[in-house]
N, C-alpha and C. Protein backbone atom coordinates (compact mmCIF):
# COMPACT_ATOMS: atom_id res chain seq x y z
N ALA A 1 0.82 -1.13 -0.05
CA ALA A 1 -0.04 -0.07 0.00
C ALA A 1 0.92 1.16 0.01
N MET A 2 1.91 1.21 0.79
CA MET A 2 2.89 2.35 0.88
C MET A 2 3.41 2.62 -0.59
N THR A 3 4.01 1.65 -1.18
CA THR A 3 4.58 1.84 -2.53
C THR A 3 3.60 2.25 -3.55
N ARG A 4 2.39 1.69 -3.54
CA ARG A 4 1.30 2.05 -4.47
C ARG A 4 0.93 3.54 -4.32
N ALA A 5 0.79 3.93 -3.00
CA ALA A 5 0.42 5.34 -2.71
C ALA A 5 1.60 6.24 -3.21
N TYR A 6 2.75 5.89 -3.07
CA TYR A 6 3.82 6.73 -3.56
C TYR A 6 3.88 6.87 -5.05
N LYS A 7 3.73 5.69 -5.72
CA LYS A 7 3.71 5.77 -7.18
C LYS A 7 2.56 6.66 -7.78
N LEU A 8 1.45 6.63 -6.93
CA LEU A 8 0.33 7.44 -7.35
C LEU A 8 0.51 8.88 -7.06
N LYS A 9 1.62 9.23 -6.49
CA LYS A 9 1.94 10.59 -5.99
C LYS A 9 0.97 11.00 -4.85
N ASN A 10 0.51 10.09 -4.10
CA ASN A 10 -0.28 10.41 -2.88
C ASN A 10 0.71 10.37 -1.63
N PHE A 11 1.52 11.40 -1.65
CA PHE A 11 2.62 11.42 -0.57
C PHE A 11 2.12 11.36 0.83
N ILE A 12 1.09 12.17 1.11
CA ILE A 12 0.54 12.10 2.44
C ILE A 12 0.15 10.67 2.90
N THR A 13 -0.51 9.95 2.08
CA THR A 13 -0.94 8.67 2.38
C THR A 13 0.26 7.70 2.54
N ALA A 14 1.11 7.83 1.56
CA ALA A 14 2.35 7.05 1.59
C ALA A 14 3.13 7.27 2.91
N ALA A 15 3.33 8.57 3.32
CA ALA A 15 4.01 8.81 4.62
C ALA A 15 3.26 8.18 5.77
N SER A 16 1.95 8.16 5.79
CA SER A 16 1.10 7.58 6.86
C SER A 16 1.46 6.19 6.85
N PHE A 17 1.50 5.40 5.78
CA PHE A 17 1.72 3.98 5.69
C PHE A 17 3.16 3.71 6.19
N ALA A 18 4.14 4.46 5.70
CA ALA A 18 5.54 4.39 6.05
C ALA A 18 5.66 4.44 7.59
N GLN A 19 5.06 5.49 8.13
CA GLN A 19 5.10 5.70 9.69
C GLN A 19 4.57 4.45 10.50
N ARG A 20 3.50 4.00 9.91
CA ARG A 20 2.81 2.80 10.60
C ARG A 20 3.78 1.66 10.45
N LEU A 21 4.42 1.38 9.26
CA LEU A 21 5.38 0.29 9.09
C LEU A 21 6.55 0.43 10.03
N LEU A 22 7.12 1.75 10.17
CA LEU A 22 8.29 1.93 11.01
C LEU A 22 7.96 1.80 12.46
N GLY A 23 6.67 1.85 12.78
CA GLY A 23 6.22 1.74 14.23
C GLY A 23 5.97 0.34 14.67
N MET A 24 6.05 -0.59 13.72
CA MET A 24 5.94 -2.11 14.04
C MET A 24 7.25 -2.65 14.42
N LYS A 25 7.23 -3.43 15.55
CA LYS A 25 8.52 -3.96 16.02
C LYS A 25 9.12 -5.03 15.11
N GLU A 26 8.30 -5.70 14.29
CA GLU A 26 8.87 -6.69 13.35
C GLU A 26 9.75 -5.98 12.30
N VAL A 27 9.59 -4.78 11.98
CA VAL A 27 10.37 -4.07 10.90
C VAL A 27 11.81 -3.92 11.43
N ASN A 28 12.09 -4.01 12.65
CA ASN A 28 13.45 -3.82 13.15
C ASN A 28 14.29 -5.16 13.12
N ALA A 29 13.60 -6.25 12.73
CA ALA A 29 14.29 -7.51 12.63
C ALA A 29 15.24 -7.45 11.50
N PRO A 30 16.44 -8.14 11.61
CA PRO A 30 17.34 -8.11 10.54
C PRO A 30 16.84 -8.63 9.22
N ALA A 31 15.85 -9.61 9.33
CA ALA A 31 15.25 -10.09 8.04
C ALA A 31 14.45 -9.04 7.27
N ASN A 32 14.00 -8.02 7.93
CA ASN A 32 13.22 -6.94 7.35
C ASN A 32 14.05 -5.67 7.12
N ALA A 33 15.30 -5.76 7.05
CA ALA A 33 16.09 -4.48 6.88
C ALA A 33 15.81 -3.71 5.52
N ALA A 34 15.55 -4.50 4.54
CA ALA A 34 15.25 -3.96 3.19
C ALA A 34 13.91 -3.13 3.31
N LEU A 35 12.95 -3.68 4.00
CA LEU A 35 11.64 -3.07 4.20
C LEU A 35 11.84 -1.75 4.94
N LYS A 36 12.62 -1.82 6.03
CA LYS A 36 12.91 -0.70 6.88
C LYS A 36 13.49 0.29 6.08
N THR A 37 14.41 0.11 5.27
CA THR A 37 15.18 1.10 4.46
C THR A 37 14.23 1.75 3.44
N LYS A 38 13.43 0.92 2.79
CA LYS A 38 12.49 1.35 1.84
C LYS A 38 11.43 2.34 2.56
N ALA A 39 10.88 1.91 3.63
CA ALA A 39 9.95 2.76 4.35
C ALA A 39 10.51 4.10 4.80
N THR A 40 11.74 4.13 5.24
CA THR A 40 12.50 5.30 5.68
C THR A 40 12.64 6.21 4.33
N LYS A 41 13.06 5.64 3.30
CA LYS A 41 13.15 6.49 2.17
C LYS A 41 11.80 7.11 1.55
N VAL A 42 10.76 6.24 1.63
CA VAL A 42 9.49 6.73 1.24
C VAL A 42 8.99 7.88 2.19
N LEU A 43 9.20 7.60 3.43
CA LEU A 43 8.79 8.72 4.44
C LEU A 43 9.50 10.07 4.21
N ARG A 44 10.80 9.99 3.98
CA ARG A 44 11.60 11.13 3.72
C ARG A 44 11.13 11.85 2.37
N ALA A 45 10.98 11.17 1.35
CA ALA A 45 10.52 11.72 0.06
C ALA A 45 9.15 12.22 0.14
N SER A 46 8.27 11.62 0.79
CA SER A 46 6.87 11.97 0.98
C SER A 46 6.78 13.19 1.81
N GLU A 47 7.61 13.41 2.83
CA GLU A 47 7.51 14.55 3.76
C GLU A 47 7.90 15.76 2.89
N GLN A 48 8.91 15.65 1.93
CA GLN A 48 9.30 16.72 1.13
C GLN A 48 8.24 17.23 0.14
N ASN A 49 7.39 16.27 -0.33
CA ASN A 49 6.37 16.65 -1.33
C ASN A 49 5.01 17.00 -0.68
N ALA A 50 4.65 16.28 0.34
CA ALA A 50 3.51 16.57 1.32
C ALA A 50 2.18 17.02 0.49
N ARG A 51 1.76 16.14 -0.45
CA ARG A 51 0.43 16.37 -1.11
C ARG A 51 -0.07 15.00 -1.63
N ASN A 52 -1.35 14.94 -1.89
CA ASN A 52 -1.91 13.80 -2.67
C ASN A 52 -2.36 14.23 -3.92
N GLU A 53 -2.08 13.48 -4.95
CA GLU A 53 -2.59 13.73 -6.32
C GLU A 53 -3.90 13.17 -6.61
N VAL A 54 -4.18 11.91 -6.09
CA VAL A 54 -5.37 11.23 -6.38
C VAL A 54 -6.24 11.13 -5.19
N LYS A 55 -7.55 11.37 -5.37
CA LYS A 55 -8.56 11.29 -4.17
C LYS A 55 -8.81 9.80 -4.05
N LEU A 56 -8.62 9.35 -2.82
CA LEU A 56 -8.81 7.98 -2.38
C LEU A 56 -10.03 7.97 -1.47
N ASP A 57 -10.79 6.84 -1.49
CA ASP A 57 -11.96 6.62 -0.55
C ASP A 57 -11.33 5.94 0.60
N TYR A 58 -10.52 6.63 1.41
CA TYR A 58 -9.70 6.07 2.52
C TYR A 58 -9.60 7.17 3.65
N GLU A 59 -9.96 6.68 4.84
CA GLU A 59 -9.76 7.47 6.02
C GLU A 59 -8.78 6.74 7.02
N ASP A 60 -7.90 7.38 7.39
CA ASP A 60 -6.94 6.87 8.49
C ASP A 60 -7.77 6.53 9.72
N GLY A 61 -7.84 5.31 10.22
CA GLY A 61 -8.50 4.99 11.42
C GLY A 61 -9.13 3.54 11.27
N PRO A 62 -9.77 3.16 12.29
CA PRO A 62 -10.27 1.67 12.19
C PRO A 62 -11.56 1.62 11.27
N PHE A 63 -11.51 0.56 10.45
CA PHE A 63 -12.64 0.45 9.64
C PHE A 63 -12.66 -1.13 9.15
N SER A 64 -13.78 -1.47 8.59
CA SER A 64 -14.02 -2.82 8.01
C SER A 64 -14.15 -2.60 6.59
N ILE A 65 -13.87 -3.71 5.89
CA ILE A 65 -14.19 -3.58 4.29
C ILE A 65 -15.46 -4.32 4.01
N CYS A 66 -16.26 -3.62 3.14
CA CYS A 66 -17.48 -4.12 2.65
C CYS A 66 -17.23 -5.29 1.71
N ALA A 67 -17.81 -6.55 2.06
CA ALA A 67 -17.50 -7.64 1.23
C ALA A 67 -18.18 -7.60 -0.16
N ALA A 68 -19.14 -6.70 -0.29
CA ALA A 68 -19.85 -6.66 -1.59
C ALA A 68 -19.35 -5.43 -2.51
N SER A 69 -18.87 -4.33 -1.85
CA SER A 69 -18.44 -3.18 -2.69
C SER A 69 -16.92 -3.02 -2.50
N PHE A 70 -16.23 -3.59 -1.46
CA PHE A 70 -14.80 -3.48 -1.29
C PHE A 70 -14.56 -1.97 -0.78
N LYS A 71 -15.49 -1.29 -0.30
CA LYS A 71 -15.28 0.06 0.15
C LYS A 71 -15.20 0.06 1.67
N PRO A 72 -14.54 0.99 2.26
CA PRO A 72 -14.40 0.98 3.79
C PRO A 72 -15.66 1.47 4.53
N ILE A 73 -15.87 0.60 5.60
CA ILE A 73 -17.02 0.99 6.54
C ILE A 73 -16.33 1.46 7.83
N PRO A 74 -16.34 2.75 8.12
CA PRO A 74 -15.82 3.27 9.28
C PRO A 74 -16.40 2.79 10.57
N LEU A 75 -15.51 2.52 11.62
CA LEU A 75 -15.97 1.96 12.79
C LEU A 75 -17.20 2.81 13.31
N GLY A 76 -18.23 2.15 13.78
CA GLY A 76 -19.44 2.91 14.32
C GLY A 76 -20.52 3.15 13.30
N GLN A 77 -20.22 3.03 11.98
CA GLN A 77 -21.17 3.25 10.96
C GLN A 77 -22.00 1.87 10.80
N ALA A 78 -23.26 1.98 10.38
CA ALA A 78 -24.09 0.89 10.32
C ALA A 78 -23.56 -0.14 9.36
N SER A 79 -23.64 -1.44 9.74
CA SER A 79 -23.18 -2.51 8.81
C SER A 79 -24.02 -3.73 9.17
N ILE A 80 -24.00 -4.75 8.28
CA ILE A 80 -24.64 -6.02 8.43
C ILE A 80 -23.57 -7.07 8.24
N LYS A 81 -23.99 -8.32 8.62
CA LYS A 81 -23.07 -9.41 8.55
C LYS A 81 -23.72 -10.54 7.92
N CYS A 82 -22.86 -11.52 7.39
CA CYS A 82 -23.35 -12.80 6.92
C CYS A 82 -23.48 -13.68 8.01
N PRO A 83 -24.58 -14.37 8.25
CA PRO A 83 -24.71 -15.29 9.42
C PRO A 83 -23.86 -16.46 9.31
N CYS A 84 -23.35 -16.80 8.17
CA CYS A 84 -22.69 -18.10 8.01
C CYS A 84 -21.14 -17.77 8.17
N CYS A 85 -20.56 -16.84 7.40
CA CYS A 85 -19.14 -16.63 7.60
C CYS A 85 -18.73 -15.44 8.36
N GLY A 86 -19.64 -14.50 8.62
CA GLY A 86 -19.29 -13.30 9.37
C GLY A 86 -18.77 -12.13 8.53
N ALA A 87 -18.90 -12.26 7.24
CA ALA A 87 -18.44 -11.15 6.30
C ALA A 87 -19.28 -9.95 6.60
N VAL A 88 -18.65 -8.71 6.55
CA VAL A 88 -19.23 -7.42 6.92
C VAL A 88 -19.58 -6.80 5.55
N ALA A 89 -20.85 -6.09 5.50
CA ALA A 89 -21.23 -5.42 4.34
C ALA A 89 -21.95 -4.16 4.74
N LYS A 90 -22.15 -3.21 3.71
CA LYS A 90 -23.09 -2.02 4.03
C LYS A 90 -24.54 -2.52 4.02
N PRO A 91 -25.40 -1.77 4.71
CA PRO A 91 -26.71 -2.13 4.80
C PRO A 91 -27.45 -2.21 3.45
N GLU A 92 -27.06 -1.53 2.41
CA GLU A 92 -27.67 -1.38 1.15
C GLU A 92 -27.59 -2.87 0.39
N PHE A 93 -26.76 -3.75 0.91
CA PHE A 93 -26.63 -5.01 0.31
C PHE A 93 -27.50 -6.07 1.13
N LYS A 94 -28.26 -5.67 2.02
CA LYS A 94 -29.06 -6.66 2.87
C LYS A 94 -29.98 -7.47 1.85
N GLY A 95 -29.90 -8.80 2.10
CA GLY A 95 -30.76 -9.76 1.31
C GLY A 95 -29.94 -10.27 0.11
N GLN A 96 -28.90 -9.76 -0.26
CA GLN A 96 -28.05 -10.30 -1.31
C GLN A 96 -27.27 -11.42 -0.87
N LEU A 97 -26.98 -12.39 -1.78
CA LEU A 97 -26.16 -13.44 -1.40
C LEU A 97 -24.79 -13.12 -1.03
N CYS A 98 -24.29 -13.55 0.01
CA CYS A 98 -22.90 -13.20 0.57
C CYS A 98 -21.90 -13.52 -0.59
N PRO A 99 -21.09 -12.60 -1.00
CA PRO A 99 -20.12 -12.85 -2.03
C PRO A 99 -18.83 -13.63 -1.49
N VAL A 100 -18.72 -13.83 -0.15
CA VAL A 100 -17.57 -14.44 0.33
C VAL A 100 -17.85 -16.01 0.41
N CYS A 101 -18.98 -16.37 1.05
CA CYS A 101 -19.27 -17.86 1.11
C CYS A 101 -20.35 -18.29 0.15
N THR A 102 -21.06 -17.46 -0.37
CA THR A 102 -22.23 -17.68 -1.29
C THR A 102 -23.10 -18.71 -0.70
N LEU A 103 -23.39 -18.71 0.66
CA LEU A 103 -24.25 -19.68 1.26
C LEU A 103 -25.38 -19.00 1.92
N SER A 104 -25.47 -17.77 2.15
CA SER A 104 -26.48 -17.15 2.92
C SER A 104 -26.66 -15.73 2.47
N PRO A 105 -27.94 -15.20 2.59
CA PRO A 105 -28.14 -13.71 2.32
C PRO A 105 -27.46 -12.88 3.38
N LEU A 106 -26.98 -11.71 3.06
CA LEU A 106 -26.42 -10.72 4.01
C LEU A 106 -27.39 -10.20 4.83
N GLY A 107 -27.20 -10.00 6.15
CA GLY A 107 -28.04 -9.30 7.08
C GLY A 107 -29.15 -10.07 7.58
N VAL A 108 -29.28 -11.33 7.37
CA VAL A 108 -30.41 -12.14 7.94
C VAL A 108 -29.95 -12.59 9.28
N GLU A 109 -30.87 -12.60 10.22
CA GLU A 109 -30.56 -13.03 11.55
C GLU A 109 -30.97 -14.40 11.66
N THR A 110 -30.01 -15.33 11.97
CA THR A 110 -30.13 -16.68 12.19
C THR A 110 -29.24 -17.25 13.30
N LEU A 111 -29.38 -18.44 13.62
CA LEU A 111 -28.47 -19.06 14.54
C LEU A 111 -27.24 -19.43 13.86
N GLY A 112 -27.11 -19.32 12.56
CA GLY A 112 -25.80 -19.80 11.81
C GLY A 112 -25.91 -21.21 11.61
N LEU A 113 -24.87 -21.95 11.42
CA LEU A 113 -24.72 -23.33 11.20
C LEU A 113 -24.87 -24.08 12.47
N VAL A 114 -25.97 -25.03 12.45
CA VAL A 114 -26.32 -25.85 13.54
C VAL A 114 -26.02 -27.27 13.21
N CYS A 115 -25.14 -27.90 13.94
CA CYS A 115 -24.93 -29.27 13.68
C CYS A 115 -25.58 -30.04 14.75
N SER A 116 -26.29 -31.20 14.49
CA SER A 116 -27.02 -31.97 15.42
C SER A 116 -26.77 -33.41 15.10
N MET A 117 -26.62 -34.30 16.25
CA MET A 117 -26.52 -35.73 16.15
C MET A 117 -27.79 -36.43 16.05
N ASP A 118 -28.92 -35.64 16.26
CA ASP A 118 -30.31 -36.30 16.22
C ASP A 118 -30.55 -36.70 14.70
N ARG A 119 -31.31 -37.81 14.65
CA ARG A 119 -31.71 -38.43 13.39
C ARG A 119 -33.18 -38.43 13.23
């Protein structure tokens, strides 16, 4: 995501991703030295340019991804789930077949999968 944002000349977004990467403890491992170097370079270059060329449908913060539209659903905004697999979607997709598991309609309230030994 960091590299893609940088190539799109979305330097503010690229800097945000680079900072988040550099804040992860795993990046300091010797095996990830190349990633750390790349993130540092992207952060420095992005801070010099400090602008976004392309408008993205992205907000920095916690969110879920709609399984039907692949658009972000900010935390706290209304959403529905698939009762079978738990995929999250926007309320406008209620009743449509879940695109993840294709087993159940989105937003239907059920017990989910029930297994019984009774015959």
